[in-house]
Amino acid sequence: MNWKLTATAIGLSLLTVTGVARADGELNIYNWGNYTSPDLIKKFEETYKVKVTVTDYDSNDTALAKVRQGASGYDIVVPSASVVPVWISEGLLLETDPNKMENF
């Protein structure tokens, strides 16, 4: 598995406390710049009838600062694996259970 796919998979398993995923037809993702495949997003939108908005960030510090502000509106945030312990210690992530997710 390549790094981009791994990072995306990790990110999809993590949700920010400030923006728990909602079933309102929109999905807001905060990810490293150029890591999210436009073709994958298009296929996801068509398959699940949801509008996906991807906002890019350029550093772990930028992402952390934005999420620390709260009320970011992001449903999914993809931090680097190296900073996940910091995010956890600050209470910025919710644990998910893939066994309880449909279609996972």
PDB file of N, CA and C in Angstrom:
ATOM      1  N   MET A   1       0.854  -1.173   0.000  1.00  0.00           N
ATOM      2  CA  MET A   1       0.000   0.000   0.000  1.00  0.00           C
ATOM      3  C   MET A   1       0.897   1.231   0.000  1.00  0.00           C
ATOM      4  N   ASN A   2       0.576   2.199  -0.848  1.00  0.00           N
ATOM      5  CA  ASN A   2       1.431   3.385  -0.899  1.00  0.00           C
ATOM      6  C   ASN A   2       1.114   4.370   0.230  1.00  0.00           C
ATOM      7  N   TRP A   3       2.026   5.331   0.444  1.00  0.00           N
ATOM      8  CA  TRP A   3       1.905   6.265   1.561  1.00  0.00           C
ATOM      9  C   TRP A   3       0.626   7.090   1.501  1.00  0.00           C
ATOM     10  N   LYS A   4       0.266   7.596   0.321  1.00  0.00           N
ATOM     11  CA  LYS A   4      -0.932   8.431   0.219  1.00  0.00           C
ATOM     12  C   LYS A   4      -2.179   7.644   0.599  1.00  0.00           C
ATOM     13  N   LEU A   5      -2.271   6.415   0.129  1.00  0.00           N
ATOM     14  CA  LEU A   5      -3.424   5.585   0.462  1.00  0.00           C
ATOM     15  C   LEU A   5      -3.444   5.276   1.951  1.00  0.00           C
ATOM     16  N   THR A   6      -2.281   4.987   2.512  1.00  0.00           N
ATOM     17  CA  THR A   6      -2.190   4.714   3.945  1.00  0.00           C
ATOM     18  C   THR A   6      -2.610   5.934   4.754  1.00  0.00           C
ATOM     19  N   ALA A   7      -2.113   7.099   4.377  1.00  0.00           N
ATOM     20  CA  ALA A   7      -2.461   8.327   5.093  1.00  0.00           C
ATOM     21  C   ALA A   7      -3.951   8.603   5.006  1.00  0.00           C
ATOM     22  N   THR A   8      -4.528   8.380   3.839  1.00  0.00           N
ATOM     23  CA  THR A   8      -5.962   8.595   3.673  1.00  0.00           C
ATOM     24  C   THR A   8      -6.751   7.615   4.526  1.00  0.00           C
ATOM     25  N   ALA A   9      -6.331   6.362   4.538  1.00  0.00           N
ATOM     26  CA  ALA A   9      -7.022   5.353   5.344  1.00  0.00           C
ATOM     27  C   ALA A   9      -6.962   5.701   6.822  1.00  0.00           C
ATOM     28  N   ILE A  10      -5.795   6.139   7.288  1.00  0.00           N
ATOM     29  CA  ILE A  10      -5.668   6.546   8.687  1.00  0.00           C
ATOM     30  C   ILE A  10      -6.572   7.743   8.960  1.00  0.00           C
ATOM     31  N   GLY A  11      -6.535   8.703   8.067  1.00  0.00           N
ATOM     32  CA  GLY A  11      -7.350   9.903   8.251  1.00  0.00           C
ATOM     33  C   GLY A  11      -8.829   9.615   8.281  1.00  0.00           C
ATOM     34  N   LEU A  12      -9.267   8.692   7.444  1.00  0.00           N
ATOM     35  CA  LEU A  12     -10.685   8.369   7.412  1.00  0.00           C
ATOM     36  C   LEU A  12     -11.138   7.669   8.680  1.00  0.00           C
ATOM     37  N   SER A  13     -10.189   7.143   9.435  1.00  0.00           N
ATOM     38  CA  SER A  13     -10.564   6.476  10.676  1.00  0.00           C
ATOM     39  C   SER A  13     -10.537   7.425  11.865  1.00  0.00           C
ATOM     40  N   LEU A  14     -10.153   8.675  11.643  1.00  0.00           N
ATOM     41  CA  LEU A  14     -10.070   9.658  12.713  1.00  0.00           C
ATOM     42  C   LEU A  14     -11.023  10.816  12.453  1.00  0.00           C
ATOM     43  N   LEU A  15     -11.767  11.180  13.459  1.00  0.00           N
ATOM     44  CA  LEU A  15     -12.694  12.303  13.337  1.00  0.00           C
ATOM     45  C   LEU A  15     -12.345  13.342  14.385  1.00  0.00           C
ATOM     46  N   THR A  16     -12.432  14.595  14.040  1.00  0.00           N
ATOM     47  CA  THR A  16     -12.147  15.633  15.022  1.00  0.00           C
ATOM     48  C   THR A  16     -13.326  15.793  15.959  1.00  0.00           C
ATOM     49  N   VAL A  17     -13.026  16.116  17.189  1.00  0.00           N
ATOM     50  CA  VAL A  17     -14.069  16.342  18.181  1.00  0.00           C
ATOM     51  C   VAL A  17     -14.936  17.522  17.780  1.00  0.00           C
ATOM     52  N   THR A  18     -14.353  18.504  17.124  1.00  0.00           N
ATOM     53  CA  THR A  18     -15.090  19.722  16.790  1.00  0.00           C
ATOM     54  C   THR A  18     -15.966  19.570  15.563  1.00  0.00           C
ATOM     55  N   GLY A  19     -15.855  18.473  14.871  1.00  0.00           N
ATOM     56  CA  GLY A  19     -16.654  18.321  13.665  1.00  0.00           C
ATOM     57  C   GLY A  19     -17.002  16.874  13.399  1.00  0.00           C
ATOM     58  N   VAL A  20     -17.808  16.282  14.260  1.00  0.00           N
ATOM     59  CA  VAL A  20     -18.189  14.887  14.077  1.00  0.00           C
ATOM     60  C   VAL A  20     -18.981  14.740  12.786  1.00  0.00           C
ATOM     61  N   ALA A  21     -18.700  13.674  12.054  1.00  0.00           N
ATOM     62  CA  ALA A  21     -19.338  13.454  10.751  1.00  0.00           C
ATOM     63  C   ALA A  21     -20.854  13.503  10.861  1.00  0.00           C
ATOM     64  N   ARG A  22     -21.461  14.167   9.908  1.00  0.00           N
ATOM     65  CA  ARG A  22     -22.915  14.310   9.887  1.00  0.00           C
ATOM     66  C   ARG A  22     -23.453  13.675   8.618  1.00  0.00           C
ATOM     67  N   ALA A  23     -24.675  13.234   8.674  1.00  0.00           N
ATOM     68  CA  ALA A  23     -25.310  12.636   7.495  1.00  0.00           C
ATOM     69  C   ALA A  23     -26.198  13.679   6.832  1.00  0.00           C
ATOM     70  N   ASP A  24     -25.630  14.803   6.429  1.00  0.00           N
ATOM     71  CA  ASP A  24     -26.431  15.876   5.846  1.00  0.00           C
ATOM     72  C   ASP A  24     -26.143  16.095   4.369  1.00  0.00           C
ATOM     73  N   GLY A  25     -25.475  15.127   3.738  1.00  0.00           N
ATOM     74  CA  GLY A  25     -25.193  15.256   2.319  1.00  0.00           C
ATOM     75  C   GLY A  25     -23.918  15.999   1.999  1.00  0.00           C
ATOM     76  N   GLU A  26     -23.170  16.397   3.019  1.00  0.00           N
ATOM     77  CA  GLU A  26     -21.901  17.085   2.820  1.00  0.00           C
ATOM     78  C   GLU A  26     -20.835  16.451   3.703  1.00  0.00           C
ATOM     79  N   LEU A  27     -19.622  16.409   3.187  1.00  0.00           N
ATOM     80  CA  LEU A  27     -18.486  15.880   3.934  1.00  0.00           C
ATOM     81  C   LEU A  27     -17.321  16.841   3.744  1.00  0.00           C
ATOM     82  N   ASN A  28     -16.799  17.361   4.841  1.00  0.00           N
ATOM     83  CA  ASN A  28     -15.694  18.319   4.796  1.00  0.00           C
ATOM     84  C   ASN A  28     -14.424  17.661   5.317  1.00  0.00           C
ATOM     85  N   ILE A  29     -13.407  17.600   4.446  1.00  0.00           N
ATOM     86  CA  ILE A  29     -12.157  16.923   4.762  1.00  0.00           C
ATOM     87  C   ILE A  29     -11.023  17.941   4.803  1.00  0.00           C
ATOM     88  N   TYR A  30     -10.169  17.827   5.806  1.00  0.00           N
ATOM     89  CA  TYR A  30      -8.984  18.675   5.956  1.00  0.00           C
ATOM     90  C   TYR A  30      -7.774  17.766   5.824  1.00  0.00           C
ATOM     91  N   ASN A  31      -6.993  17.930   4.757  1.00  0.00           N
ATOM     92  CA  ASN A  31      -5.926  16.992   4.433  1.00  0.00           C
ATOM     93  C   ASN A  31      -4.709  17.737   3.890  1.00  0.00           C
ATOM     94  N   TRP A  32      -3.576  17.049   3.887  1.00  0.00           N
ATOM     95  CA  TRP A  32      -2.368  17.591   3.271  1.00  0.00           C
ATOM     96  C   TRP A  32      -2.652  17.981   1.826  1.00  0.00           C
ATOM     97  N   GLY A  33      -2.044  19.046   1.361  1.00  0.00           N
ATOM     98  CA  GLY A  33      -2.207  19.471  -0.023  1.00  0.00           C
ATOM     99  C   GLY A  33      -1.802  18.386  -1.006  1.00  0.00           C
ATOM    100  N   ASN A  34      -2.611  18.222  -2.029  1.00  0.00           N
ATOM    101  CA  ASN A  34      -2.363  17.269  -3.113  1.00  0.00           C
ATOM    102  C   ASN A  34      -2.336  15.809  -2.680  1.00  0.00           C
ATOM    103  N   TYR A  35      -2.921  15.469  -1.554  1.00  0.00           N
ATOM    104  CA  TYR A  35      -2.971  14.079  -1.114  1.00  0.00           C
ATOM    105  C   TYR A  35      -4.295  13.411  -1.435  1.00  0.00           C
ATOM    106  N   THR A  36      -5.296  14.188  -1.769  1.00  0.00           N
ATOM    107  CA  THR A  36      -6.619  13.628  -2.005  1.00  0.00           C
ATOM    108  C   THR A  36      -6.873  13.566  -3.503  1.00  0.00           C
ATOM    109  N   SER A  37      -7.091  12.381  -3.996  1.00  0.00           N
ATOM    110  CA  SER A  37      -7.308  12.164  -5.423  1.00  0.00           C
ATOM    111  C   SER A  37      -8.658  12.727  -5.861  1.00  0.00           C
ATOM    112  N   PRO A  38      -8.666  13.669  -6.804  1.00  0.00           N
ATOM    113  CA  PRO A  38      -9.933  14.197  -7.316  1.00  0.00           C
ATOM    114  C   PRO A  38     -10.817  13.098  -7.914  1.00  0.00           C
ATOM    115  N   ASP A  39     -10.204  12.112  -8.556  1.00  0.00           N
ATOM    116  CA  ASP A  39     -10.987  11.009  -9.124  1.00  0.00           C
ATOM    117  C   ASP A  39     -11.663  10.192  -8.030  1.00  0.00           C
ATOM    118  N   LEU A  40     -10.955   9.961  -6.929  1.00  0.00           N
ATOM    119  CA  LEU A  40     -11.533   9.225  -5.808  1.00  0.00           C
ATOM    120  C   LEU A  40     -12.691  10.005  -5.195  1.00  0.00           C
ATOM    121  N   ILE A  41     -12.514  11.304  -5.035  1.00  0.00           N
ATOM    122  CA  ILE A  41     -13.577  12.149  -4.478  1.00  0.00           C
ATOM    123  C   ILE A  41     -14.806  12.111  -5.380  1.00  0.00           C
ATOM    124  N   LYS A  42     -14.602  12.243  -6.673  1.00  0.00           N
ATOM    125  CA  LYS A  42     -15.722  12.216  -7.619  1.00  0.00           C
ATOM    126  C   LYS A  42     -16.473  10.889  -7.532  1.00  0.00           C
ATOM    127  N   LYS A  43     -15.748   9.795  -7.497  1.00  0.00           N
ATOM    128  CA  LYS A  43     -16.377   8.474  -7.404  1.00  0.00           C
ATOM    129  C   LYS A  43     -17.141   8.334  -6.084  1.00  0.00           C
ATOM    130  N   PHE A  44     -16.551   8.816  -4.991  1.00  0.00           N
ATOM    131  CA  PHE A  44     -17.203   8.772  -3.688  1.00  0.00           C
ATOM    132  C   PHE A  44     -18.501   9.577  -3.709  1.00  0.00           C
ATOM    133  N   GLU A  45     -18.442  10.782  -4.283  1.00  0.00           N
ATOM    134  CA  GLU A  45     -19.635  11.634  -4.364  1.00  0.00           C
ATOM    135  C   GLU A  45     -20.745  10.951  -5.157  1.00  0.00           C
ATOM    136  N   GLU A  46     -20.388  10.345  -6.266  1.00  0.00           N
ATOM    137  CA  GLU A  46     -21.384   9.675  -7.106  1.00  0.00           C
ATOM    138  C   GLU A  46     -21.966   8.449  -6.414  1.00  0.00           C
ATOM    139  N   THR A  47     -21.117   7.684  -5.762  1.00  0.00           N
ATOM    140  CA  THR A  47     -21.559   6.453  -5.104  1.00  0.00           C
ATOM    141  C   THR A  47     -22.457   6.736  -3.911  1.00  0.00           C
ATOM    142  N   TYR A  48     -22.078   7.721  -3.086  1.00  0.00           N
ATOM    143  CA  TYR A  48     -22.788   7.964  -1.831  1.00  0.00           C
ATOM    144  C   TYR A  48     -23.679   9.201  -1.852  1.00  0.00           C
ATOM    145  N   LYS A  49     -23.797   9.845  -3.012  1.00  0.00           N
ATOM    146  CA  LYS A  49     -24.682  11.012  -3.157  1.00  0.00           C
ATOM    147  C   LYS A  49     -24.407  12.056  -2.082  1.00  0.00           C
ATOM    148  N   VAL A  50     -23.151  12.409  -1.970  1.00  0.00           N
ATOM    149  CA  VAL A  50     -22.721  13.383  -0.980  1.00  0.00           C
ATOM    150  C   VAL A  50     -21.759  14.359  -1.654  1.00  0.00           C
ATOM    151  N   LYS A  51     -21.753  15.591  -1.215  1.00  0.00           N
ATOM    152  CA  LYS A  51     -20.832  16.609  -1.717  1.00  0.00           C
ATOM    153  C   LYS A  51     -19.615  16.631  -0.800  1.00  0.00           C
ATOM    154  N   VAL A  52     -18.437  16.429  -1.379  1.00  0.00           N
ATOM    155  CA  VAL A  52     -17.200  16.417  -0.607  1.00  0.00           C
ATOM    156  C   VAL A  52     -16.418  17.700  -0.882  1.00  0.00           C
ATOM    157  N   THR A  53     -16.029  18.372   0.180  1.00  0.00           N
ATOM    158  CA  THR A  53     -15.179  19.549   0.078  1.00  0.00           C
ATOM    159  C   THR A  53     -13.867  19.235   0.784  1.00  0.00           C
ATOM    160  N   VAL A  54     -12.774  19.365   0.053  1.00  0.00           N
ATOM    161  CA  VAL A  54     -11.456  19.101   0.621  1.00  0.00           C
ATOM    162  C   VAL A  54     -10.725  20.425   0.784  1.00  0.00           C
ATOM    163  N   THR A  55     -10.267  20.690   1.988  1.00  0.00           N
ATOM    164  CA  THR A  55      -9.445  21.856   2.269  1.00  0.00           C
ATOM    165  C   THR A  55      -8.042  21.348   2.574  1.00  0.00           C
ATOM    166  N   ASP A  56      -7.064  21.913   1.900  1.00  0.00           N
ATOM    167  CA  ASP A  56      -5.682  21.478   2.076  1.00  0.00           C
ATOM    168  C   ASP A  56      -4.972  22.304   3.141  1.00  0.00           C
ATOM    169  N   TYR A  57      -4.004  21.671   3.801  1.00  0.00           N
ATOM    170  CA  TYR A  57      -3.095  22.407   4.677  1.00  0.00           C
ATOM    171  C   TYR A  57      -1.663  22.055   4.298  1.00  0.00           C
ATOM    172  N   ASP A  58      -0.711  22.880   4.744  1.00  0.00           N
ATOM    173  CA  ASP A  58       0.675  22.711   4.303  1.00  0.00           C
ATOM    174  C   ASP A  58       1.646  22.261   5.384  1.00  0.00           C
ATOM    175  N   SER A  59       1.178  22.149   6.625  1.00  0.00           N
ATOM    176  CA  SER A  59       2.061  21.675   7.696  1.00  0.00           C
ATOM    177  C   SER A  59       1.220  21.147   8.851  1.00  0.00           C
ATOM    178  N   ASN A  60       1.835  20.300   9.662  1.00  0.00           N
ATOM    179  CA  ASN A  60       1.147  19.795  10.843  1.00  0.00           C
ATOM    180  C   ASN A  60       0.800  20.927  11.797  1.00  0.00           C
ATOM    181  N   ASP A  61       1.677  21.921  11.892  1.00  0.00           N
ATOM    182  CA  ASP A  61       1.419  23.061  12.768  1.00  0.00           C
ATOM    183  C   ASP A  61       0.191  23.841  12.318  1.00  0.00           C
ATOM    184  N   THR A  62       0.053  24.031  11.014  1.00  0.00           N
ATOM    185  CA  THR A  62      -1.112  24.730  10.467  1.00  0.00           C
ATOM    186  C   THR A  62      -2.389  23.974  10.800  1.00  0.00           C
ATOM    187  N   ALA A  63      -2.376  22.670  10.574  1.00  0.00           N
ATOM    188  CA  ALA A  63      -3.564  21.856  10.839  1.00  0.00           C
ATOM    189  C   ALA A  63      -3.919  21.874  12.315  1.00  0.00           C
ATOM    190  N   LEU A  64      -2.927  21.694  13.169  1.00  0.00           N
ATOM    191  CA  LEU A  64      -3.171  21.669  14.605  1.00  0.00           C
ATOM    192  C   LEU A  64      -3.733  23.002  15.089  1.00  0.00           C
ATOM    193  N   ALA A  65      -3.164  24.100  14.633  1.00  0.00           N
ATOM    194  CA  ALA A  65      -3.646  25.421  15.044  1.00  0.00           C
ATOM    195  C   ALA A  65      -5.098  25.626  14.633  1.00  0.00           C
ATOM    196  N   LYS A  66      -5.437  25.229  13.419  1.00  0.00           N
ATOM    197  CA  LYS A  66      -6.805  25.408  12.919  1.00  0.00           C
ATOM    198  C   LYS A  66      -7.792  24.585  13.739  1.00  0.00           C
ATOM    199  N   VAL A  67      -7.454  23.338  14.011  1.00  0.00           N
ATOM    200  CA  VAL A  67      -8.367  22.473  14.755  1.00  0.00           C
ATOM    201  C   VAL A  67      -8.443  22.895  16.221  1.00  0.00           C
ATOM    202  N   ARG A  68      -7.346  23.372  16.784  1.00  0.00           N
ATOM    203  CA  ARG A  68      -7.360  23.864  18.170  1.00  0.00           C
ATOM    204  C   ARG A  68      -8.334  25.025  18.341  1.00  0.00           C
ATOM    205  N   GLN A  69      -8.526  25.818  17.291  1.00  0.00           N
ATOM    206  CA  GLN A  69      -9.438  26.967  17.364  1.00  0.00           C
ATOM    207  C   GLN A  69     -10.871  26.528  17.628  1.00  0.00           C
ATOM    208  N   GLY A  70     -11.185  25.292  17.264  1.00  0.00           N
ATOM    209  CA  GLY A  70     -12.528  24.768  17.467  1.00  0.00           C
ATOM    210  C   GLY A  70     -13.473  25.178  16.365  1.00  0.00           C
ATOM    211  N   ALA A  71     -14.611  24.520  16.333  1.00  0.00           N
ATOM    212  CA  ALA A  71     -15.667  24.806  15.364  1.00  0.00           C
ATOM    213  C   ALA A  71     -15.133  24.902  13.940  1.00  0.00           C
ATOM    214  N   SER A  72     -14.228  24.009  13.590  1.00  0.00           N
ATOM    215  CA  SER A  72     -13.623  24.049  12.259  1.00  0.00           C
ATOM    216  C   SER A  72     -14.590  23.630  11.170  1.00  0.00           C
ATOM    217  N   GLY A  73     -15.574  22.812  11.528  1.00  0.00           N
ATOM    218  CA  GLY A  73     -16.524  22.334  10.537  1.00  0.00           C
ATOM    219  C   GLY A  73     -16.034  21.140   9.747  1.00  0.00           C
ATOM    220  N   TYR A  74     -14.854  20.638  10.066  1.00  0.00           N
ATOM    221  CA  TYR A  74     -14.328  19.484   9.349  1.00  0.00           C
ATOM    222  C   TYR A  74     -14.886  18.194   9.938  1.00  0.00           C
ATOM    223  N   ASP A  75     -15.290  17.305   9.051  1.00  0.00           N
ATOM    224  CA  ASP A  75     -15.763  15.995   9.474  1.00  0.00           C
ATOM    225  C   ASP A  75     -14.600  15.022   9.620  1.00  0.00           C
ATOM    226  N   ILE A  76     -13.616  15.166   8.753  1.00  0.00           N
ATOM    227  CA  ILE A  76     -12.444  14.294   8.759  1.00  0.00           C
ATOM    228  C   ILE A  76     -11.200  15.156   8.637  1.00  0.00           C
ATOM    229  N   VAL A  77     -10.242  14.897   9.512  1.00  0.00           N
ATOM    230  CA  VAL A  77      -8.953  15.576   9.454  1.00  0.00           C
ATOM    231  C   VAL A  77      -7.885  14.498   9.369  1.00  0.00           C
ATOM    232  N   VAL A  78      -6.878  14.713   8.525  1.00  0.00           N
ATOM    233  CA  VAL A  78      -5.840  13.708   8.293  1.00  0.00           C
ATOM    234  C   VAL A  78      -4.496  14.244   8.795  1.00  0.00           C
ATOM    235  N   PRO A  79      -4.216  14.091  10.097  1.00  0.00           N
ATOM    236  CA  PRO A  79      -2.907  14.509  10.593  1.00  0.00           C
ATOM    237  C   PRO A  79      -1.860  13.445  10.270  1.00  0.00           C
ATOM    238  N   SER A  80      -0.609  13.830  10.266  1.00  0.00           N
ATOM    239  CA  SER A  80       0.475  12.864  10.085  1.00  0.00           C
ATOM    240  C   SER A  80       0.512  11.923  11.282  1.00  0.00           C
ATOM    241  N   ALA A  81       0.885  10.691  11.032  1.00  0.00           N
ATOM    242  CA  ALA A  81       0.956   9.692  12.103  1.00  0.00           C
ATOM    243  C   ALA A  81       1.861  10.152  13.241  1.00  0.00           C
ATOM    244  N   SER A  82       2.896  10.892  12.914  1.00  0.00           N
ATOM    245  CA  SER A  82       3.851  11.339  13.935  1.00  0.00           C
ATOM    246  C   SER A  82       3.255  12.323  14.939  1.00  0.00           C
ATOM    247  N   VAL A  83       2.182  13.008  14.577  1.00  0.00           N
ATOM    248  CA  VAL A  83       1.577  13.984  15.493  1.00  0.00           C
ATOM    249  C   VAL A  83       0.266  13.502  16.103  1.00  0.00           C
ATOM    250  N   VAL A  84      -0.187  12.331  15.720  1.00  0.00           N
ATOM    251  CA  VAL A  84      -1.438  11.805  16.274  1.00  0.00           C
ATOM    252  C   VAL A  84      -1.399  11.749  17.802  1.00  0.00           C
ATOM    253  N   PRO A  85      -0.297  11.328  18.441  1.00  0.00           N
ATOM    254  CA  PRO A  85      -0.284  11.332  19.912  1.00  0.00           C
ATOM    255  C   PRO A  85      -0.560  12.708  20.522  1.00  0.00           C
ATOM    256  N   VAL A  86      -0.081  13.765  19.890  1.00  0.00           N
ATOM    257  CA  VAL A  86      -0.343  15.126  20.380  1.00  0.00           C
ATOM    258  C   VAL A  86      -1.828  15.427  20.274  1.00  0.00           C
ATOM    259  N   TRP A  87      -2.416  15.101  19.135  1.00  0.00           N
ATOM    260  CA  TRP A  87      -3.844  15.349  18.924  1.00  0.00           C
ATOM    261  C   TRP A  87      -4.671  14.567  19.946  1.00  0.00           C
ATOM    262  N   ILE A  88      -4.284  13.336  20.210  1.00  0.00           N
ATOM    263  CA  ILE A  88      -5.007  12.516  21.186  1.00  0.00           C
ATOM    264  C   ILE A  88      -4.880  13.130  22.573  1.00  0.00           C
ATOM    265  N   SER A  89      -3.664  13.508  22.972  1.00  0.00           N
ATOM    266  CA  SER A  89      -3.453  14.063  24.312  1.00  0.00           C
ATOM    267  C   SER A  89      -4.216  15.368  24.519  1.00  0.00           C
ATOM    268  N   GLU A  90      -4.487  16.085  23.437  1.00  0.00           N
ATOM    269  CA  GLU A  90      -5.239  17.339  23.538  1.00  0.00           C
ATOM    270  C   GLU A  90      -6.741  17.134  23.362  1.00  0.00           C
ATOM    271  N   GLY A  91      -7.159  15.878  23.202  1.00  0.00           N
ATOM    272  CA  GLY A  91      -8.587  15.592  23.072  1.00  0.00           C
ATOM    273  C   GLY A  91      -9.183  16.038  21.753  1.00  0.00           C
ATOM    274  N   LEU A  92      -8.378  16.076  20.710  1.00  0.00           N
ATOM    275  CA  LEU A  92      -8.846  16.569  19.417  1.00  0.00           C
ATOM    276  C   LEU A  92      -9.364  15.471  18.496  1.00  0.00           C
ATOM    277  N   LEU A  93      -9.239  14.221  18.895  1.00  0.00           N
ATOM    278  CA  LEU A  93      -9.678  13.115  18.049  1.00  0.00           C
ATOM    279  C   LEU A  93     -10.683  12.241  18.782  1.00  0.00           C
ATOM    280  N   LEU A  94     -11.585  11.686  18.015  1.00  0.00           N
ATOM    281  CA  LEU A  94     -12.515  10.693  18.531  1.00  0.00           C
ATOM    282  C   LEU A  94     -12.097   9.336  17.997  1.00  0.00           C
ATOM    283  N   GLU A  95     -12.189   8.326  18.824  1.00  0.00           N
ATOM    284  CA  GLU A  95     -11.890   6.975  18.369  1.00  0.00           C
ATOM    285  C   GLU A  95     -13.080   6.441  17.580  1.00  0.00           C
ATOM    286  N   THR A  96     -12.792   5.720  16.527  1.00  0.00           N
ATOM    287  CA  THR A  96     -13.849   5.096  15.737  1.00  0.00           C
ATOM    288  C   THR A  96     -13.656   3.592  15.754  1.00  0.00           C
ATOM    289  N   ASP A  97     -14.727   2.870  15.495  1.00  0.00           N
ATOM    290  CA  ASP A  97     -14.679   1.413  15.441  1.00  0.00           C
ATOM    291  C   ASP A  97     -15.131   0.975  14.058  1.00  0.00           C
ATOM    292  N   PRO A  98     -14.194   0.619  13.185  1.00  0.00           N
ATOM    293  CA  PRO A  98     -14.551   0.205  11.821  1.00  0.00           C
ATOM    294  C   PRO A  98     -15.530  -0.966  11.784  1.00  0.00           C
ATOM    295  N   ASN A  99     -15.543  -1.780  12.833  1.00  0.00           N
ATOM    296  CA  ASN A  99     -16.474  -2.913  12.883  1.00  0.00           C
ATOM    297  C   ASN A  99     -17.927  -2.462  12.989  1.00  0.00           C
ATOM    298  N   LYS A 100     -18.133  -1.228  13.394  1.00  0.00           N
ATOM    299  CA  LYS A 100     -19.489  -0.692  13.525  1.00  0.00           C
ATOM    300  C   LYS A 100     -19.884   0.185  12.343  1.00  0.00           C
ATOM    301  N   MET A 101     -19.021   0.257  11.336  1.00  0.00           N
ATOM    302  CA  MET A 101     -19.290   1.094  10.170  1.00  0.00           C
ATOM    303  C   MET A 101     -19.789   0.242   9.015  1.00  0.00           C
ATOM    304  N   GLU A 102     -20.881   0.669   8.424  1.00  0.00           N
ATOM    305  CA  GLU A 102     -21.364  -0.011   7.233  1.00  0.00           C
ATOM    306  C   GLU A 102     -20.404   0.261   6.084  1.00  0.00           C
ATOM    307  N   ASN A 103     -20.238  -0.714   5.216  1.00  0.00           N
ATOM    308  CA  ASN A 103     -19.433  -0.573   3.996  1.00  0.00           C
ATOM    309  C   ASN A 103     -17.968  -0.277   4.245  1.00  0.00           C
ATOM    310  N   PHE A 104     -17.450  -0.600   5.420  1.00  0.00           N
ATOM    311  CA  PHE A 104     -16.029  -0.344   5.681  1.00  0.00           C
ATOM    312  C   PHE A 104     -15.244  -1.605   5.437  1.00  0.00           C
TER     313      PHE A 104
END
